[in-house]
Amino acid sequence: MKKYSILFFLIMFLIGTDSFLISPLLPILARNFNVSAANSAWMTATYAIGFALFALVAGPLSDSRDRKNVMLVGLIGFGLATLLCGLASNFTLMLIFRFLAGVSASFITPQVWASVPRVTRDNSSRMKLMGVVMAGLAGAQVLGVPIGSFLALHSWHMPFFVVAASTLLLIFALWRLLPGLPPVLGSEKQKVSKIYAKLLKNRSGMGFVTGFGVIFVGSIAVMSFLGTWFNQDFHLDLAQVGTALLFVGLGQFLGGLFGSHITQHFGNQRWLRIAFISWALLYLILPFMPNLPLTVVVLALIFGINGMTIPVLVLTNQNTAPEVRGTMSALSNFSMYTGQAVGGAFAGVFYSHFPGYFGISYFALVIFLSAALIYWRSGFWKVYKS
């Protein structure tokens, strides 16, 4: 199982890194393509839009095909689209190639999750491998932005070229190490439309999925312009921005690594109350931080709570429809990346029209309070048992 652990970790790390590495590049790319800060946010949003639009299609389609082949095709498309991002000569082409990278990624990550039960023999090894996959995503969230910052010290093209080259190596590793994973018997007969129709009638499930996506609207809005904010208001150069964001990301990594002990102590219902209250207070005070160290501490706490809470929310989504976990995962991915697209698009507007980080921070505050209301109206504290 060790070879699958390494392979799946690297795939999830690479896809996650590509999602985040563009954040510190936005000021450079905005100047290079001669666009405003508000419009530069679309380079983040179009990736998420591509993923979100095709996530619902990619998941069900892959159930009737060999998952290894689906992943190979997805990685080839992802590597090519990322290479083209590094070669983009204007803003329009960059948006097109980022969109195609997101589309390709939507055919990869669902296959990793779905392949775990196929390459493990028992529940214990399955849970260990699931943990490795989650670690890949968490590591990308910690290192994706700093990697983008440090690679861009040479040229803004470099991060995209490195990701594309890494993808080529992973294509070869996947081809050699992963066995064929043909569809299970009868999967080709599943009527996806009926599964989705049933899920759409699940009031609690749809409420939880919606709330999950709304949380990502706020989180991505805050993350998208941190590099720009640190550069303009704290006068950090690219390397210093990468270092500051590394400490911010470390909060989420530690939250994900050790958060289960805390959430299990409080129970899922109590913890989610604590999380929403903490988020609200931290976003309320974020714009008033007098210096960079305190700002980084507050942001690390915010994203640390993210790391502790997201696994609880993912488990909640799965438990509302355990008989169709794969389809629910597709809906969750759709919700998450739709939230990322909306958050990335709105972030530029609020950053441009308000001083400092007041606009984005208070936008996130309203968004997280709205998510809390959605979870309450959907019955989280009544129907979900810790």
Protein backbone atom coordinates (compact mmCIF):
# COMPACT_ATOMS: atom_id res chain seq x y z
CA MET A 1 0.00 0.00 0.00
CA LYS A 2 3.00 2.28 0.45
CA LYS A 3 3.35 2.99 -3.28
CA TYR A 4 -0.33 3.98 -3.49
CA SER A 5 0.07 6.25 -0.46
CA ILE A 6 2.96 8.11 -2.08
CA LEU A 7 1.25 8.28 -5.47
CA PHE A 8 -2.11 9.54 -4.18
CA PHE A 9 -0.42 12.00 -1.80
CA LEU A 10 1.57 13.53 -4.65
CA ILE A 11 -1.44 13.75 -6.97
CA MET A 12 -3.58 15.53 -4.39
CA PHE A 13 -0.67 17.76 -3.37
CA LEU A 14 -0.05 18.78 -6.98
CA ILE A 15 -3.71 19.52 -7.77
CA GLY A 16 -4.11 21.43 -4.51
CA THR A 17 -0.91 23.40 -5.09
CA ASP A 18 -2.09 24.50 -8.53
CA SER A 19 -5.28 25.86 -6.95
CA PHE A 20 -3.39 28.11 -4.54
CA LEU A 21 -0.10 29.06 -6.18
CA ILE A 22 -1.65 31.79 -8.32
CA SER A 23 -2.67 33.90 -5.31
CA PRO A 24 0.74 35.55 -4.72
CA LEU A 25 1.18 35.97 -8.49
CA LEU A 26 -1.90 38.17 -8.90
CA PRO A 27 -0.08 41.53 -8.48
CA ILE A 28 2.58 40.50 -11.01
CA LEU A 29 0.07 39.06 -13.48
CA ALA A 30 -2.21 42.09 -13.15
CA ARG A 31 0.67 44.39 -14.11
CA ASN A 32 1.88 42.05 -16.86
CA PHE A 33 -1.56 41.76 -18.47
CA ASN A 34 -2.50 45.39 -17.69
CA VAL A 35 -5.70 44.57 -15.76
CA SER A 36 -7.11 45.92 -12.51
CA ALA A 37 -6.85 44.14 -9.17
CA ALA A 38 -10.58 43.39 -9.32
CA ASN A 39 -10.29 41.75 -12.75
CA SER A 40 -7.15 39.83 -11.80
CA ALA A 41 -9.25 37.78 -9.37
CA TRP A 42 -10.83 36.04 -12.37
CA MET A 43 -7.58 34.12 -12.84
CA THR A 44 -8.47 32.38 -9.56
CA ALA A 45 -12.19 32.17 -10.25
CA THR A 46 -12.03 30.63 -13.73
CA TYR A 47 -10.11 27.60 -12.46
CA ALA A 48 -12.80 27.03 -9.84
CA ILE A 49 -15.58 27.56 -12.40
CA GLY A 50 -14.08 24.93 -14.68
CA PHE A 51 -13.82 22.44 -11.83
CA ALA A 52 -17.32 23.19 -10.51
CA LEU A 53 -19.07 22.94 -13.88
CA PHE A 54 -17.54 19.56 -14.71
CA ALA A 55 -17.37 17.98 -11.24
CA LEU A 56 -20.97 16.77 -11.41
CA VAL A 57 -20.33 15.23 -14.82
CA ALA A 58 -16.89 13.80 -14.17
CA GLY A 59 -17.85 11.83 -11.05
CA PRO A 60 -20.79 9.86 -12.49
CA LEU A 61 -19.11 9.34 -15.88
CA SER A 62 -16.05 7.81 -14.26
CA ASP A 63 -18.14 5.19 -12.46
CA SER A 64 -18.64 3.34 -15.73
CA ARG A 65 -14.99 3.57 -16.85
CA ASP A 66 -11.57 2.40 -15.71
CA ARG A 67 -10.59 4.94 -13.04
CA LYS A 68 -6.91 4.65 -13.88
CA ASN A 69 -7.55 5.68 -17.49
CA VAL A 70 -9.78 8.57 -16.38
CA MET A 71 -7.00 9.82 -14.09
CA LEU A 72 -4.40 9.50 -16.84
CA VAL A 73 -6.51 11.51 -19.29
CA GLY A 74 -7.21 14.10 -16.60
CA LEU A 75 -3.52 14.45 -15.71
CA ILE A 76 -2.52 14.82 -19.37
CA GLY A 77 -5.08 17.59 -19.84
CA PHE A 78 -4.09 19.21 -16.56
CA GLY A 79 -0.39 19.23 -17.39
CA LEU A 80 -0.98 20.64 -20.87
CA ALA A 81 -3.35 23.37 -19.63
CA THR A 82 -0.91 24.38 -16.88
CA LEU A 83 1.96 24.54 -19.36
CA LEU A 84 -0.16 26.81 -21.57
CA CYS A 85 -0.85 29.06 -18.56
CA GLY A 86 2.88 29.62 -18.32
CA LEU A 87 2.99 30.50 -22.01
CA ALA A 88 -0.11 32.76 -22.01
CA SER A 89 0.59 36.05 -23.76
CA ASN A 90 -2.55 37.90 -22.70
CA PHE A 91 -5.27 37.96 -20.06
CA THR A 92 -7.91 36.22 -22.19
CA LEU A 93 -5.67 33.27 -22.95
CA MET A 94 -4.73 32.97 -19.28
CA LEU A 95 -8.41 32.77 -18.32
CA ILE A 96 -9.07 30.10 -20.95
CA PHE A 97 -6.12 27.96 -19.87
CA ARG A 98 -6.97 28.31 -16.15
CA PHE A 99 -10.52 27.20 -16.96
CA LEU A 100 -9.21 24.13 -18.83
CA ALA A 101 -6.88 23.29 -15.93
CA GLY A 102 -9.89 23.32 -13.59
CA VAL A 103 -11.89 21.11 -15.96
CA SER A 104 -9.02 18.60 -16.11
CA ALA A 105 -8.63 18.60 -12.31
CA SER A 106 -12.31 17.70 -11.92
CA PHE A 107 -11.55 14.38 -13.63
CA ILE A 108 -8.65 13.58 -11.28
CA THR A 109 -9.44 14.20 -7.63
CA PRO A 110 -12.76 12.29 -7.49
CA GLN A 111 -10.95 9.26 -8.92
CA VAL A 112 -8.35 9.35 -6.15
CA TRP A 113 -11.04 9.18 -3.45
CA ALA A 114 -12.96 6.50 -5.34
CA SER A 115 -9.82 4.41 -5.93
CA VAL A 116 -8.90 4.11 -2.25
CA PRO A 117 -11.35 1.25 -1.48
CA ARG A 118 -10.22 -0.55 -4.64
CA VAL A 119 -6.53 -0.72 -3.69
CA THR A 120 -6.94 -1.54 0.02
CA ARG A 121 -7.92 -4.82 1.65
CA ASP A 122 -9.52 -3.83 4.94
CA ASN A 123 -11.06 -0.87 6.74
CA SER A 124 -7.92 -0.12 8.74
CA SER A 125 -5.68 0.27 5.68
CA ARG A 126 -8.45 2.15 3.91
CA MET A 127 -8.63 4.74 6.68
CA LYS A 128 -4.85 5.12 6.69
CA LEU A 129 -4.80 5.77 2.96
CA MET A 130 -7.69 8.24 3.27
CA GLY A 131 -5.60 10.08 5.85
CA VAL A 132 -2.68 10.26 3.43
CA VAL A 133 -4.95 11.72 0.74
CA MET A 134 -6.19 14.37 3.17
CA ALA A 135 -2.58 15.11 4.13
CA GLY A 136 -1.80 15.79 0.48
CA LEU A 137 -4.52 18.43 0.31
CA ALA A 138 -3.52 19.95 3.64
CA GLY A 139 0.11 20.11 2.57
CA ALA A 140 -0.90 21.91 -0.63
CA GLN A 141 -2.88 24.46 1.34
CA VAL A 142 0.17 25.13 3.53
CA LEU A 143 2.79 25.20 0.78
CA GLY A 144 0.89 26.10 -2.41
CA VAL A 145 1.02 29.87 -1.96
CA PRO A 146 4.65 30.00 -0.69
CA ILE A 147 5.74 27.70 -3.53
CA GLY A 148 4.15 30.08 -6.01
CA SER A 149 5.89 33.04 -4.36
CA PHE A 150 9.36 31.52 -4.29
CA LEU A 151 9.23 30.07 -7.80
CA ALA A 152 8.04 33.42 -9.15
CA LEU A 153 11.21 35.11 -7.87
CA HIS A 154 12.82 34.02 -11.15
CA SER A 155 9.77 34.59 -13.38
CA TRP A 156 5.98 34.42 -13.13
CA HIS A 157 6.12 31.68 -15.77
CA MET A 158 8.19 29.37 -13.56
CA PRO A 159 5.45 28.09 -11.16
CA PHE A 160 3.33 26.90 -14.08
CA PHE A 161 6.30 25.24 -15.81
CA VAL A 162 7.30 23.41 -12.62
CA VAL A 163 3.75 22.13 -12.02
CA ALA A 164 3.51 20.99 -15.66
CA ALA A 165 6.83 19.14 -15.44
CA SER A 166 5.79 17.52 -12.14
CA THR A 167 2.55 16.41 -13.77
CA LEU A 168 4.51 14.65 -16.51
CA LEU A 169 6.41 12.66 -13.89
CA LEU A 170 3.16 11.75 -12.12
CA ILE A 171 1.62 10.55 -15.37
CA PHE A 172 4.49 8.09 -15.77
CA ALA A 173 4.30 7.01 -12.10
CA LEU A 174 0.53 6.48 -12.30
CA TRP A 175 0.86 4.45 -15.49
CA ARG A 176 3.50 2.19 -13.95
CA LEU A 177 2.31 1.83 -10.35
CA LEU A 178 -1.50 1.81 -10.36
CA PRO A 179 -3.29 -1.30 -11.62
CA GLY A 180 -6.31 -1.06 -13.88
CA LEU A 181 -9.48 -0.20 -11.97
CA PRO A 182 -12.38 -1.23 -14.23
CA PRO A 183 -15.95 -0.33 -13.21
CA VAL A 184 -17.60 -2.54 -10.66
CA LEU A 185 -20.30 -4.88 -11.89
CA GLY A 186 -23.55 -3.03 -12.55
CA SER A 187 -22.17 0.48 -12.23
CA GLU A 188 -22.86 1.16 -15.88
CA LYS A 189 -26.58 0.64 -15.24
CA GLN A 190 -26.88 3.36 -12.60
CA LYS A 191 -29.16 6.23 -13.58
CA VAL A 192 -27.36 9.30 -12.42
CA SER A 193 -30.32 11.58 -13.03
CA LYS A 194 -32.46 9.60 -10.59
CA ILE A 195 -29.72 9.64 -7.94
CA TYR A 196 -29.43 13.41 -8.21
CA ALA A 197 -33.20 13.82 -8.21
CA LYS A 198 -33.38 11.87 -4.96
CA LEU A 199 -30.58 13.86 -3.37
CA LEU A 200 -32.20 17.16 -4.32
CA LYS A 201 -35.19 16.13 -2.22
CA ASN A 202 -32.96 15.56 0.81
CA ARG A 203 -33.50 18.87 2.63
CA SER A 204 -30.80 18.40 5.22
CA GLY A 205 -28.25 17.07 2.75
CA MET A 206 -28.75 19.91 0.28
CA GLY A 207 -28.65 22.43 3.10
CA PHE A 208 -25.37 21.07 4.41
CA VAL A 209 -23.82 21.01 0.92
CA THR A 210 -24.97 24.59 0.32
CA GLY A 211 -23.57 25.75 3.67
CA PHE A 212 -20.31 23.98 2.86
CA GLY A 213 -19.98 25.95 -0.36
CA VAL A 214 -20.91 29.25 1.31
CA ILE A 215 -18.07 28.78 3.81
CA PHE A 216 -15.65 28.48 0.89
CA VAL A 217 -16.94 31.75 -0.56
CA GLY A 218 -15.64 33.53 2.53
CA SER A 219 -12.45 31.50 2.92
CA ILE A 220 -11.30 31.90 -0.69
CA ALA A 221 -12.19 35.59 -0.71
CA VAL A 222 -9.88 36.10 2.26
CA MET A 223 -7.08 33.95 0.83
CA SER A 224 -7.17 35.41 -2.70
CA PHE A 225 -5.79 38.88 -1.92
CA LEU A 226 -3.54 38.22 1.06
CA GLY A 227 -0.47 38.45 -1.17
CA THR A 228 -1.66 41.75 -2.62
CA TRP A 229 -2.55 43.12 0.82
CA PHE A 230 0.82 42.17 2.32
CA ASN A 231 2.59 43.73 -0.64
CA GLN A 232 0.69 47.02 -0.68
CA ASP A 233 -0.03 47.72 3.00
CA PHE A 234 2.91 45.99 4.72
CA HIS A 235 5.39 46.66 1.89
CA LEU A 236 6.61 43.06 1.65
CA ASP A 237 8.48 41.82 -1.38
CA LEU A 238 7.58 38.53 -3.06
CA ALA A 239 9.85 36.39 -0.87
CA GLN A 240 8.53 38.03 2.32
CA VAL A 241 4.94 37.52 1.16
CA GLY A 242 5.69 33.82 0.67
CA THR A 243 7.16 33.56 4.18
CA ALA A 244 4.20 35.33 5.80
CA LEU A 245 1.70 33.14 3.93
CA LEU A 246 3.66 30.05 4.94
CA PHE A 247 2.89 30.83 8.60
CA VAL A 248 -0.76 31.48 7.74
CA GLY A 249 -0.99 28.13 5.95
CA LEU A 250 0.76 26.41 8.84
CA GLY A 251 -2.28 27.22 10.96
CA GLN A 252 -4.53 25.23 8.63
CA PHE A 253 -2.04 22.37 8.42
CA LEU A 254 -1.82 22.06 12.22
CA GLY A 255 -5.58 22.40 12.53
CA GLY A 256 -6.09 19.54 10.11
CA LEU A 257 -3.36 17.43 11.70
CA PHE A 258 -4.44 17.74 15.33
CA GLY A 259 -7.97 19.08 15.06
CA SER A 260 -9.71 15.71 15.35
CA HIS A 261 -8.73 15.47 19.02
CA ILE A 262 -10.37 18.82 19.73
CA THR A 263 -13.54 18.25 17.69
CA GLN A 264 -14.04 14.81 19.23
CA HIS A 265 -13.68 16.33 22.70
CA PHE A 266 -16.42 18.90 22.07
CA GLY A 267 -18.55 16.81 19.73
CA ASN A 268 -19.41 17.88 16.20
CA GLN A 269 -22.49 19.91 17.12
CA ARG A 270 -20.80 21.93 19.87
CA TRP A 271 -17.64 22.36 17.86
CA LEU A 272 -19.45 23.88 14.89
CA ARG A 273 -21.02 26.47 17.21
CA ILE A 274 -17.58 27.30 18.59
CA ALA A 275 -16.13 27.50 15.07
CA PHE A 276 -18.74 29.95 13.77
CA ILE A 277 -18.43 32.19 16.83
CA SER A 278 -14.63 32.16 16.57
CA TRP A 279 -14.68 32.93 12.85
CA ALA A 280 -17.02 35.87 13.43
CA LEU A 281 -14.84 37.38 16.16
CA LEU A 282 -11.60 36.92 14.25
CA TYR A 283 -12.93 38.44 11.03
CA LEU A 284 -14.31 41.32 13.07
CA ILE A 285 -10.88 42.22 14.47
CA LEU A 286 -8.67 41.27 11.50
CA PRO A 287 -8.63 44.72 9.78
CA PHE A 288 -7.64 46.43 13.06
CA MET A 289 -4.42 44.51 13.63
CA PRO A 290 -1.65 47.13 14.09
CA ASN A 291 1.26 45.14 12.66
CA LEU A 292 2.16 42.17 10.48
CA PRO A 293 2.93 39.61 13.25
CA LEU A 294 -0.50 40.08 14.88
CA THR A 295 -2.17 39.96 11.46
CA VAL A 296 -0.45 36.67 10.67
CA VAL A 297 -1.46 35.24 14.06
CA VAL A 298 -5.13 36.13 13.51
CA LEU A 299 -5.07 34.66 10.00
CA ALA A 300 -3.33 31.50 11.26
CA LEU A 301 -6.10 31.09 13.85
CA ILE A 302 -8.79 31.60 11.20
CA PHE A 303 -7.33 28.98 8.90
CA GLY A 304 -6.50 26.71 11.83
CA ILE A 305 -10.22 26.61 12.61
CA ASN A 306 -10.81 25.87 8.93
CA GLY A 307 -8.49 22.87 9.20
CA MET A 308 -10.33 21.55 12.25
CA THR A 309 -13.83 22.17 10.91
CA ILE A 310 -13.74 21.11 7.26
CA PRO A 311 -13.40 17.36 8.09
CA VAL A 312 -16.49 17.66 10.31
CA LEU A 313 -18.45 19.26 7.48
CA VAL A 314 -17.27 16.70 4.92
CA LEU A 315 -18.36 13.88 7.24
CA THR A 316 -21.71 15.62 7.70
CA ASN A 317 -22.28 15.73 3.95
CA GLN A 318 -21.42 12.05 3.57
CA ASN A 319 -23.63 10.91 6.43
CA THR A 320 -26.76 12.49 4.97
CA ALA A 321 -26.70 10.04 2.05
CA PRO A 322 -24.41 7.08 2.89
CA GLU A 323 -25.88 4.95 0.10
CA VAL A 324 -24.56 7.31 -2.59
CA ARG A 325 -21.36 8.70 -1.09
CA GLY A 326 -19.73 9.11 -4.48
CA THR A 327 -22.49 11.30 -5.84
CA MET A 328 -22.61 13.30 -2.62
CA SER A 329 -18.87 13.84 -2.98
CA ALA A 330 -19.49 15.22 -6.47
CA LEU A 331 -22.08 17.61 -5.08
CA SER A 332 -19.71 18.66 -2.31
CA ASN A 333 -16.94 19.31 -4.82
CA PHE A 334 -19.35 21.30 -6.97
CA SER A 335 -20.41 23.36 -3.96
CA MET A 336 -16.82 23.91 -2.80
CA TYR A 337 -15.49 25.09 -6.16
CA THR A 338 -18.58 27.16 -6.88
CA GLY A 339 -17.92 28.86 -3.55
CA GLN A 340 -14.28 29.33 -4.54
CA ALA A 341 -15.30 30.92 -7.85
CA VAL A 342 -17.77 33.30 -6.20
CA GLY A 343 -15.32 34.19 -3.44
CA GLY A 344 -12.51 34.85 -5.90
CA ALA A 345 -14.73 37.05 -8.06
CA PHE A 346 -16.10 39.15 -5.18
CA ALA A 347 -12.73 39.48 -3.46
CA GLY A 348 -11.37 41.86 -6.08
CA VAL A 349 -14.41 44.12 -5.83
CA PHE A 350 -14.28 44.41 -2.04
CA TYR A 351 -10.51 44.82 -1.98
CA SER A 352 -10.60 47.60 -4.55
CA HIS A 353 -13.42 49.61 -2.98
CA PHE A 354 -12.50 49.49 0.71
CA PRO A 355 -9.28 50.46 2.51
CA GLY A 356 -6.96 47.79 3.83
CA TYR A 357 -8.73 44.48 4.32
CA PHE A 358 -11.96 45.92 5.73
CA GLY A 359 -14.06 45.07 2.68
CA ILE A 360 -12.93 41.46 2.35
CA SER A 361 -12.88 40.78 6.09
CA TYR A 362 -16.41 42.03 6.69
CA PHE A 363 -17.63 40.34 3.52
CA ALA A 364 -16.29 37.08 4.99
CA LEU A 365 -17.97 37.88 8.32
CA VAL A 366 -21.37 38.20 6.62
CA ILE A 367 -20.73 35.07 4.57
CA PHE A 368 -19.85 32.92 7.60
CA LEU A 369 -22.87 34.16 9.55
CA SER A 370 -25.00 33.26 6.51
CA ALA A 371 -23.46 29.77 6.48
CA ALA A 372 -24.29 29.36 10.17
CA LEU A 373 -27.89 30.30 9.42
CA ILE A 374 -28.03 27.75 6.58
CA TYR A 375 -26.76 24.96 8.84
CA TRP A 376 -29.24 25.93 11.54
CA ARG A 377 -32.19 26.05 9.12
CA SER A 378 -31.12 22.70 7.64
CA GLY A 379 -31.30 21.07 11.07
CA PHE A 380 -27.62 20.42 11.74
CA TRP A 381 -28.02 20.76 15.51
CA LYS A 382 -31.12 18.55 15.46
CA VAL A 383 -30.54 15.74 12.98
CA TYR A 384 -26.77 15.33 12.93
CA LYS A 385 -25.51 13.15 15.73
CA SER A 386 -21.91 13.55 16.87
